[in-house]
Each structure stands twice: as structure tokens, then as C-alpha cells.
Amino acid sequence: MKQMVAVDEPIRMRARTLPSGKIVPTSFIWRDQTRYVADVGRQWQERVDGKSLRCFLVQAVDQSTYEVRWDPAEDVWSLHRAWILNLV
């Protein structure tokens, strides 16, 4: 069963930029562990504290789901929320 946790922590993201300009997250490091992205789902923009953020819902190979955010003005990625399998 997946359990949702609020995170709001910085992450190191690897992403591809397609010729169309679309950003595709491929993996990220959170709490010293690399999470590989198996699928990228919904993408949207949000305005938070006056900043325009690009948000991505990604599923890792372990089937956990993460909401990651990118601030293109600062080129900073963060993990906003996570739905983690078998959270102890």
C-alpha cells in the first residue's frame, strides 16, 4: 500500500530536454538514494511564493510515485510529495 508523505526537500534531478523543448525527468537523488523514473505522468505549472514552477508527477521503477517541482528561473528541483510503497 502506498502512503503519502509531504516532503518539500531539494533533490538532484537528471532530465532530458527533447528537441521540442519538453523536459523529461529520468532520475533523481533524494536522501542519498537514486530513484530511476519509469514513467512521467501529468505535468502542470503552479505559482508558489511568486515563482512559476513546473510540476511533474513521476513513477519510479519501484512503483512509488513522486511530485517533483522545477524552478526554471533558479534551475532548482525539489521533491514536494511522495507516495511510497511499504513506508515503515
PDB file of N, CA and C in Angstrom:
ATOM      1  N   MET A   1       0.843  -1.183   0.000  1.00  0.00           N
ATOM      2  CA  MET A   1       0.000   0.000   0.000  1.00  0.00           C
ATOM      3  C   MET A   1       0.883   1.238   0.000  1.00  0.00           C
ATOM      4  N   LYS A   2       0.496   2.237  -0.793  1.00  0.00           N
ATOM      5  CA  LYS A   2       1.249   3.481  -0.851  1.00  0.00           C
ATOM      6  C   LYS A   2       0.784   4.423   0.243  1.00  0.00           C
ATOM      7  N   GLN A   3       1.743   5.099   0.848  1.00  0.00           N
ATOM      8  CA  GLN A   3       1.441   6.095   1.871  1.00  0.00           C
ATOM      9  C   GLN A   3       1.992   7.436   1.411  1.00  0.00           C
ATOM     10  N   MET A   4       1.154   8.489   1.450  1.00  0.00           N
ATOM     11  CA  MET A   4       1.562   9.815   1.017  1.00  0.00           C
ATOM     12  C   MET A   4       2.299  10.525   2.135  1.00  0.00           C
ATOM     13  N   VAL A   5       3.435  11.141   1.787  1.00  0.00           N
ATOM     14  CA  VAL A   5       4.189  11.955   2.735  1.00  0.00           C
ATOM     15  C   VAL A   5       4.507  13.288   2.074  1.00  0.00           C
ATOM     16  N   ALA A   6       4.378  14.374   2.841  1.00  0.00           N
ATOM     17  CA  ALA A   6       4.791  15.697   2.378  1.00  0.00           C
ATOM     18  C   ALA A   6       6.289  15.805   2.612  1.00  0.00           C
ATOM     19  N   VAL A   7       7.008  16.302   1.622  1.00  0.00           N
ATOM     20  CA  VAL A   7       8.462  16.287   1.711  1.00  0.00           C
ATOM     21  C   VAL A   7       9.045  17.700   1.665  1.00  0.00           C
ATOM     22  N   ASP A   8       8.894  18.400   0.544  1.00  0.00           N
ATOM     23  CA  ASP A   8       9.457  19.738   0.317  1.00  0.00           C
ATOM     24  C   ASP A   8      10.950  19.800   0.636  1.00  0.00           C
ATOM     25  N   GLU A   9      11.723  18.965  -0.065  1.00  0.00           N
ATOM     26  CA  GLU A   9      13.172  18.928   0.092  1.00  0.00           C
ATOM     27  C   GLU A   9      13.832  19.077  -1.276  1.00  0.00           C
ATOM     28  N   PRO A  10      15.020  19.681  -1.310  1.00  0.00           N
ATOM     29  CA  PRO A  10      15.743  19.771  -2.589  1.00  0.00           C
ATOM     30  C   PRO A  10      16.210  18.389  -3.040  1.00  0.00           C
ATOM     31  N   ILE A  11      16.275  18.211  -4.357  1.00  0.00           N
ATOM     32  CA  ILE A  11      16.774  16.971  -4.946  1.00  0.00           C
ATOM     33  C   ILE A  11      17.729  17.320  -6.078  1.00  0.00           C
ATOM     34  N   ARG A  12      18.531  16.349  -6.470  1.00  0.00           N
ATOM     35  CA  ARG A  12      19.358  16.488  -7.669  1.00  0.00           C
ATOM     36  C   ARG A  12      18.682  15.678  -8.759  1.00  0.00           C
ATOM     37  N   MET A  13      18.263  16.358  -9.814  1.00  0.00           N
ATOM     38  CA  MET A  13      17.480  15.738 -10.883  1.00  0.00           C
ATOM     39  C   MET A  13      18.324  15.590 -12.144  1.00  0.00           C
ATOM     40  N   ARG A  14      18.128  14.481 -12.833  1.00  0.00           N
ATOM     41  CA  ARG A  14      18.625  14.307 -14.193  1.00  0.00           C
ATOM     42  C   ARG A  14      17.398  14.311 -15.091  1.00  0.00           C
ATOM     43  N   ALA A  15      17.469  15.114 -16.142  1.00  0.00           N
ATOM     44  CA  ALA A  15      16.346  15.216 -17.066  1.00  0.00           C
ATOM     45  C   ALA A  15      16.871  15.413 -18.476  1.00  0.00           C
ATOM     46  N   ARG A  16      16.100  14.950 -19.429  1.00  0.00           N
ATOM     47  CA  ARG A  16      16.415  15.175 -20.841  1.00  0.00           C
ATOM     48  C   ARG A  16      15.568  16.325 -21.346  1.00  0.00           C
ATOM     49  N   THR A  17      16.135  17.097 -22.235  1.00  0.00           N
ATOM     50  CA  THR A  17      15.375  18.127 -22.933  1.00  0.00           C
ATOM     51  C   THR A  17      15.222  17.663 -24.375  1.00  0.00           C
ATOM     52  N   LEU A  18      13.981  17.435 -24.785  1.00  0.00           N
ATOM     53  CA  LEU A  18      13.707  16.973 -26.145  1.00  0.00           C
ATOM     54  C   LEU A  18      13.831  18.142 -27.127  1.00  0.00           C
ATOM     55  N   PRO A  19      13.998  17.859 -28.419  1.00  0.00           N
ATOM     56  CA  PRO A  19      14.091  18.932 -29.415  1.00  0.00           C
ATOM     57  C   PRO A  19      12.890  19.885 -29.377  1.00  0.00           C
ATOM     58  N   SER A  20      11.754  19.377 -28.932  1.00  0.00           N
ATOM     59  CA  SER A  20      10.549  20.208 -28.833  1.00  0.00           C
ATOM     60  C   SER A  20      10.606  21.168 -27.642  1.00  0.00           C
ATOM     61  N   GLY A  21      11.613  20.975 -26.753  1.00  0.00           N
ATOM     62  CA  GLY A  21      11.717  21.793 -25.545  1.00  0.00           C
ATOM     63  C   GLY A  21      11.093  21.143 -24.325  1.00  0.00           C
ATOM     64  N   LYS A  22      10.436  20.013 -24.534  1.00  0.00           N
ATOM     65  CA  LYS A  22       9.807  19.301 -23.421  1.00  0.00           C
ATOM     66  C   LYS A  22      10.868  18.733 -22.488  1.00  0.00           C
ATOM     67  N   ILE A  23      10.664  18.868 -21.168  1.00  0.00           N
ATOM     68  CA  ILE A  23      11.562  18.352 -20.149  1.00  0.00           C
ATOM     69  C   ILE A  23      11.063  16.971 -19.719  1.00  0.00           C
ATOM     70  N   VAL A  24      11.967  15.984 -19.692  1.00  0.00           N
ATOM     71  CA  VAL A  24      11.607  14.616 -19.303  1.00  0.00           C
ATOM     72  C   VAL A  24      12.535  14.174 -18.162  1.00  0.00           C
ATOM     73  N   PRO A  25      12.029  14.164 -16.908  1.00  0.00           N
ATOM     74  CA  PRO A  25      12.846  13.667 -15.794  1.00  0.00           C
ATOM     75  C   PRO A  25      13.203  12.192 -16.000  1.00  0.00           C
ATOM     76  N   THR A  26      14.473  11.839 -15.707  1.00  0.00           N
ATOM     77  CA  THR A  26      14.904  10.455 -15.893  1.00  0.00           C
ATOM     78  C   THR A  26      15.344   9.786 -14.591  1.00  0.00           C
ATOM     79  N   SER A  27      15.895  10.550 -13.658  1.00  0.00           N
ATOM     80  CA  SER A  27      16.262  10.013 -12.348  1.00  0.00           C
ATOM     81  C   SER A  27      16.535  11.183 -11.410  1.00  0.00           C
ATOM     82  N   PHE A  28      16.492  10.900 -10.101  1.00  0.00           N
ATOM     83  CA  PHE A  28      16.819  11.936  -9.127  1.00  0.00           C
ATOM     84  C   PHE A  28      17.401  11.302  -7.876  1.00  0.00           C
ATOM     85  N   ILE A  29      18.164  12.113  -7.162  1.00  0.00           N
ATOM     86  CA  ILE A  29      18.755  11.660  -5.904  1.00  0.00           C
ATOM     87  C   ILE A  29      18.030  12.364  -4.768  1.00  0.00           C
ATOM     88  N   TRP A  30      17.486  11.555  -3.869  1.00  0.00           N
ATOM     89  CA  TRP A  30      16.791  12.056  -2.683  1.00  0.00           C
ATOM     90  C   TRP A  30      17.264  11.233  -1.491  1.00  0.00           C
ATOM     91  N   ARG A  31      17.729  11.926  -0.473  1.00  0.00           N
ATOM     92  CA  ARG A  31      18.241  11.283   0.735  1.00  0.00           C
ATOM     93  C   ARG A  31      19.290  10.215   0.393  1.00  0.00           C
ATOM     94  N   ASP A  32      20.228  10.612  -0.447  1.00  0.00           N
ATOM     95  CA  ASP A  32      21.378   9.782  -0.839  1.00  0.00           C
ATOM     96  C   ASP A  32      21.005   8.504  -1.590  1.00  0.00           C
ATOM     97  N   GLN A  33      19.822   8.450  -2.145  1.00  0.00           N
ATOM     98  CA  GLN A  33      19.419   7.272  -2.919  1.00  0.00           C
ATOM     99  C   GLN A  33      18.920   7.722  -4.291  1.00  0.00           C
ATOM    100  N   THR A  34      19.406   7.047  -5.329  1.00  0.00           N
ATOM    101  CA  THR A  34      18.969   7.360  -6.685  1.00  0.00           C
ATOM    102  C   THR A  34      17.639   6.673  -6.961  1.00  0.00           C
ATOM    103  N   ARG A  35      16.686   7.445  -7.449  1.00  0.00           N
ATOM    104  CA  ARG A  35      15.365   6.915  -7.849  1.00  0.00           C
ATOM    105  C   ARG A  35      15.288   7.052  -9.374  1.00  0.00           C
ATOM    106  N   TYR A  36      15.094   5.942 -10.062  1.00  0.00           N
ATOM    107  CA  TYR A  36      15.007   5.959 -11.517  1.00  0.00           C
ATOM    108  C   TYR A  36      13.548   6.086 -11.942  1.00  0.00           C
ATOM    109  N   VAL A  37      13.299   6.992 -12.863  1.00  0.00           N
ATOM    110  CA  VAL A  37      11.940   7.279 -13.319  1.00  0.00           C
ATOM    111  C   VAL A  37      11.544   6.266 -14.385  1.00  0.00           C
ATOM    112  N   ALA A  38      10.451   5.560 -14.131  1.00  0.00           N
ATOM    113  CA  ALA A  38       9.919   4.588 -15.088  1.00  0.00           C
ATOM    114  C   ALA A  38       8.884   5.233 -16.006  1.00  0.00           C
ATOM    115  N   ASP A  39       8.157   6.235 -15.475  1.00  0.00           N
ATOM    116  CA  ASP A  39       7.086   6.858 -16.248  1.00  0.00           C
ATOM    117  C   ASP A  39       6.869   8.283 -15.770  1.00  0.00           C
ATOM    118  N   VAL A  40       6.606   9.171 -16.712  1.00  0.00           N
ATOM    119  CA  VAL A  40       6.264  10.555 -16.399  1.00  0.00           C
ATOM    120  C   VAL A  40       4.791  10.737 -16.729  1.00  0.00           C
ATOM    121  N   GLY A  41       4.037  11.151 -15.729  1.00  0.00           N
ATOM    122  CA  GLY A  41       2.602  11.341 -15.920  1.00  0.00           C
ATOM    123  C   GLY A  41       2.255  12.802 -16.145  1.00  0.00           C
ATOM    124  N   ARG A  42       1.318  13.256 -15.378  1.00  0.00           N
ATOM    125  CA  ARG A  42       0.789  14.613 -15.511  1.00  0.00           C
ATOM    126  C   ARG A  42       1.881  15.654 -15.306  1.00  0.00           C
ATOM    127  N   GLN A  43       1.776  16.768 -16.074  1.00  0.00           N
ATOM    128  CA  GLN A  43       2.674  17.910 -15.931  1.00  0.00           C
ATOM    129  C   GLN A  43       1.827  19.169 -15.900  1.00  0.00           C
ATOM    130  N   TRP A  44       2.195  20.123 -15.047  1.00  0.00           N
ATOM    131  CA  TRP A  44       1.437  21.361 -14.931  1.00  0.00           C
ATOM    132  C   TRP A  44       2.329  22.455 -14.368  1.00  0.00           C
ATOM    133  N   GLN A  45       1.826  23.676 -14.379  1.00  0.00           N
ATOM    134  CA  GLN A  45       2.544  24.817 -13.813  1.00  0.00           C
ATOM    135  C   GLN A  45       1.783  25.326 -12.598  1.00  0.00           C
ATOM    136  N   GLU A  46       2.529  25.756 -11.592  1.00  0.00           N
ATOM    137  CA  GLU A  46       1.940  26.353 -10.387  1.00  0.00           C
ATOM    138  C   GLU A  46       2.707  27.613 -10.048  1.00  0.00           C
ATOM    139  N   ARG A  47       2.021  28.538  -9.438  1.00  0.00           N
ATOM    140  CA  ARG A  47       2.660  29.755  -8.943  1.00  0.00           C
ATOM    141  C   ARG A  47       2.747  29.614  -7.424  1.00  0.00           C
ATOM    142  N   VAL A  48       3.972  29.608  -6.882  1.00  0.00           N
ATOM    143  CA  VAL A  48       4.208  29.417  -5.452  1.00  0.00           C
ATOM    144  C   VAL A  48       5.159  30.513  -4.983  1.00  0.00           C
ATOM    145  N   ASP A  49       4.729  31.288  -4.008  1.00  0.00           N
ATOM    146  CA  ASP A  49       5.558  32.366  -3.461  1.00  0.00           C
ATOM    147  C   ASP A  49       6.102  33.284  -4.555  1.00  0.00           C
ATOM    148  N   GLY A  50       5.263  33.581  -5.534  1.00  0.00           N
ATOM    149  CA  GLY A  50       5.649  34.479  -6.620  1.00  0.00           C
ATOM    150  C   GLY A  50       6.498  33.849  -7.705  1.00  0.00           C
ATOM    151  N   LYS A  51       6.794  32.557  -7.577  1.00  0.00           N
ATOM    152  CA  LYS A  51       7.607  31.861  -8.569  1.00  0.00           C
ATOM    153  C   LYS A  51       6.727  30.958  -9.424  1.00  0.00           C
ATOM    154  N   SER A  52       7.073  30.848 -10.687  1.00  0.00           N
ATOM    155  CA  SER A  52       6.384  29.935 -11.593  1.00  0.00           C
ATOM    156  C   SER A  52       7.153  28.617 -11.621  1.00  0.00           C
ATOM    157  N   LEU A  53       6.532  27.554 -11.134  1.00  0.00           N
ATOM    158  CA  LEU A  53       7.168  26.245 -11.045  1.00  0.00           C
ATOM    159  C   LEU A  53       6.553  25.277 -12.046  1.00  0.00           C
ATOM    160  N   ARG A  54       7.389  24.423 -12.619  1.00  0.00           N
ATOM    161  CA  ARG A  54       6.892  23.338 -13.461  1.00  0.00           C
ATOM    162  C   ARG A  54       6.850  22.089 -12.597  1.00  0.00           C
ATOM    163  N   CYS A  55       5.700  21.446 -12.570  1.00  0.00           N
ATOM    164  CA  CYS A  55       5.473  20.291 -11.705  1.00  0.00           C
ATOM    165  C   CYS A  55       5.300  19.035 -12.559  1.00  0.00           C
ATOM    166  N   PHE A  56       5.821  17.931 -12.043  1.00  0.00           N
ATOM    167  CA  PHE A  56       5.776  16.657 -12.747  1.00  0.00           C
ATOM    168  C   PHE A  56       5.369  15.568 -11.763  1.00  0.00           C
ATOM    169  N   LEU A  57       4.495  14.694 -12.188  1.00  0.00           N
ATOM    170  CA  LEU A  57       4.152  13.509 -11.418  1.00  0.00           C
ATOM    171  C   LEU A  57       4.900  12.355 -12.075  1.00  0.00           C
ATOM    172  N   VAL A  58       5.824  11.733 -11.330  1.00  0.00           N
ATOM    173  CA  VAL A  58       6.641  10.665 -11.906  1.00  0.00           C
ATOM    174  C   VAL A  58       6.492   9.392 -11.083  1.00  0.00           C
ATOM    175  N   GLN A  59       6.636   8.266 -11.764  1.00  0.00           N
ATOM    176  CA  GLN A  59       6.614   6.981 -11.069  1.00  0.00           C
ATOM    177  C   GLN A  59       7.996   6.345 -11.209  1.00  0.00           C
ATOM    178  N   ALA A  60       8.548   5.928 -10.087  1.00  0.00           N
ATOM    179  CA  ALA A  60       9.863   5.299 -10.076  1.00  0.00           C
ATOM    180  C   ALA A  60       9.733   3.810 -10.414  1.00  0.00           C
ATOM    181  N   VAL A  61      10.866   3.184 -10.696  1.00  0.00           N
ATOM    182  CA  VAL A  61      10.840   1.763 -11.047  1.00  0.00           C
ATOM    183  C   VAL A  61      10.327   0.893  -9.907  1.00  0.00           C
ATOM    184  N   ASP A  62      10.404   1.386  -8.650  1.00  0.00           N
ATOM    185  CA  ASP A  62       9.878   0.608  -7.514  1.00  0.00           C
ATOM    186  C   ASP A  62       8.376   0.815  -7.312  1.00  0.00           C
ATOM    187  N   GLN A  63       7.742   1.505  -8.244  1.00  0.00           N
ATOM    188  CA  GLN A  63       6.301   1.786  -8.247  1.00  0.00           C
ATOM    189  C   GLN A  63       5.883   2.886  -7.276  1.00  0.00           C
ATOM    190  N   SER A  64       6.827   3.526  -6.583  1.00  0.00           N
ATOM    191  CA  SER A  64       6.496   4.698  -5.762  1.00  0.00           C
ATOM    192  C   SER A  64       6.266   5.883  -6.702  1.00  0.00           C
ATOM    193  N   THR A  65       5.445   6.834  -6.281  1.00  0.00           N
ATOM    194  CA  THR A  65       5.092   7.985  -7.096  1.00  0.00           C
ATOM    195  C   THR A  65       5.570   9.249  -6.395  1.00  0.00           C
ATOM    196  N   TYR A  66       6.065  10.209  -7.190  1.00  0.00           N
ATOM    197  CA  TYR A  66       6.634  11.432  -6.636  1.00  0.00           C
ATOM    198  C   TYR A  66       6.125  12.647  -7.403  1.00  0.00           C
ATOM    199  N   GLU A  67       5.866  13.725  -6.683  1.00  0.00           N
ATOM    200  CA  GLU A  67       5.588  15.016  -7.312  1.00  0.00           C
ATOM    201  C   GLU A  67       6.853  15.850  -7.165  1.00  0.00           C
ATOM    202  N   VAL A  68       7.494  16.112  -8.300  1.00  0.00           N
ATOM    203  CA  VAL A  68       8.709  16.921  -8.301  1.00  0.00           C
ATOM    204  C   VAL A  68       8.408  18.261  -8.944  1.00  0.00           C
ATOM    205  N   ARG A  69       9.158  19.280  -8.494  1.00  0.00           N
ATOM    206  CA  ARG A  69       8.950  20.639  -8.996  1.00  0.00           C
ATOM    207  C   ARG A  69      10.279  21.217  -9.465  1.00  0.00           C
ATOM    208  N   TRP A  70      10.202  21.979 -10.546  1.00  0.00           N
ATOM    209  CA  TRP A  70      11.385  22.640 -11.093  1.00  0.00           C
ATOM    210  C   TRP A  70      11.137  24.134 -11.171  1.00  0.00           C
ATOM    211  N   ASP A  71      12.058  24.899 -10.609  1.00  0.00           N
ATOM    212  CA  ASP A  71      12.032  26.354 -10.715  1.00  0.00           C
ATOM    213  C   ASP A  71      13.005  26.719 -11.833  1.00  0.00           C
ATOM    214  N   PRO A  72      12.508  26.979 -13.054  1.00  0.00           N
ATOM    215  CA  PRO A  72      13.412  27.238 -14.174  1.00  0.00           C
ATOM    216  C   PRO A  72      14.223  28.530 -14.011  1.00  0.00           C
ATOM    217  N   ALA A  73      13.703  29.498 -13.281  1.00  0.00           N
ATOM    218  CA  ALA A  73      14.434  30.751 -13.079  1.00  0.00           C
ATOM    219  C   ALA A  73      15.704  30.517 -12.268  1.00  0.00           C
ATOM    220  N   GLU A  74      15.644  29.610 -11.293  1.00  0.00           N
ATOM    221  CA  GLU A  74      16.788  29.302 -10.431  1.00  0.00           C
ATOM    222  C   GLU A  74      17.472  27.989 -10.820  1.00  0.00           C
ATOM    223  N   ASP A  75      16.842  27.228 -11.715  1.00  0.00           N
ATOM    224  CA  ASP A  75      17.275  25.889 -12.103  1.00  0.00           C
ATOM    225  C   ASP A  75      17.467  25.007 -10.866  1.00  0.00           C
ATOM    226  N   VAL A  76      16.414  24.983 -10.036  1.00  0.00           N
ATOM    227  CA  VAL A  76      16.421  24.207  -8.791  1.00  0.00           C
ATOM    228  C   VAL A  76      15.242  23.239  -8.815  1.00  0.00           C
ATOM    229  N   TRP A  77      15.513  21.980  -8.450  1.00  0.00           N
ATOM    230  CA  TRP A  77      14.483  20.951  -8.368  1.00  0.00           C
ATOM    231  C   TRP A  77      14.192  20.640  -6.901  1.00  0.00           C
ATOM    232  N   SER A  78      12.933  20.282  -6.616  1.00  0.00           N
ATOM    233  CA  SER A  78      12.573  19.854  -5.267  1.00  0.00           C
ATOM    234  C   SER A  78      11.543  18.733  -5.352  1.00  0.00           C
ATOM    235  N   LEU A  79      11.522  17.942  -4.294  1.00  0.00           N
ATOM    236  CA  LEU A  79      10.517  16.887  -4.151  1.00  0.00           C
ATOM    237  C   LEU A  79       9.446  17.442  -3.234  1.00  0.00           C
ATOM    238  N   HIS A  80       8.227  17.569  -3.759  1.00  0.00           N
ATOM    239  CA  HIS A  80       7.135  18.167  -2.983  1.00  0.00           C
ATOM    240  C   HIS A  80       6.381  17.124  -2.165  1.00  0.00           C
ATOM    241  N   ARG A  81       5.962  16.039  -2.833  1.00  0.00           N
ATOM    242  CA  ARG A  81       5.222  14.967  -2.153  1.00  0.00           C
ATOM    243  C   ARG A  81       5.657  13.625  -2.709  1.00  0.00           C
ATOM    244  N   ALA A  82       5.440  12.584  -1.906  1.00  0.00           N
ATOM    245  CA  ALA A  82       5.779  11.230  -2.346  1.00  0.00           C
ATOM    246  C   ALA A  82       4.711  10.262  -1.871  1.00  0.00           C
ATOM    247  N   TRP A  83       4.410   9.308  -2.721  1.00  0.00           N
ATOM    248  CA  TRP A  83       3.534   8.191  -2.372  1.00  0.00           C
ATOM    249  C   TRP A  83       4.415   6.961  -2.436  1.00  0.00           C
ATOM    250  N   ILE A  84       4.845   6.490  -1.271  1.00  0.00           N
ATOM    251  CA  ILE A  84       5.888   5.471  -1.184  1.00  0.00           C
ATOM    252  C   ILE A  84       5.290   4.136  -0.783  1.00  0.00           C
ATOM    253  N   LEU A  85       5.734   3.102  -1.500  1.00  0.00           N
ATOM    254  CA  LEU A  85       5.314   1.742  -1.168  1.00  0.00           C
ATOM    255  C   LEU A  85       6.032   1.266   0.085  1.00  0.00           C
ATOM    256  N   ASN A  86       5.313   0.568   0.926  1.00  0.00           N
ATOM    257  CA  ASN A  86       5.893  -0.068   2.116  1.00  0.00           C
ATOM    258  C   ASN A  86       6.694   0.887   2.987  1.00  0.00           C
ATOM    259  N   LEU A  87       6.144   2.058   3.226  1.00  0.00           N
ATOM    260  CA  LEU A  87       6.803   3.032   4.106  1.00  0.00           C
ATOM    261  C   LEU A  87       6.736   2.545   5.540  1.00  0.00           C
ATOM    262  N   VAL A  88       7.883   2.478   6.173  1.00  0.00           N
ATOM    263  CA  VAL A  88       7.938   1.978   7.555  1.00  0.00           C
ATOM    264  C   VAL A  88       8.159   3.137   8.500  1.00  0.00           C
TER     265      VAL A  88
END
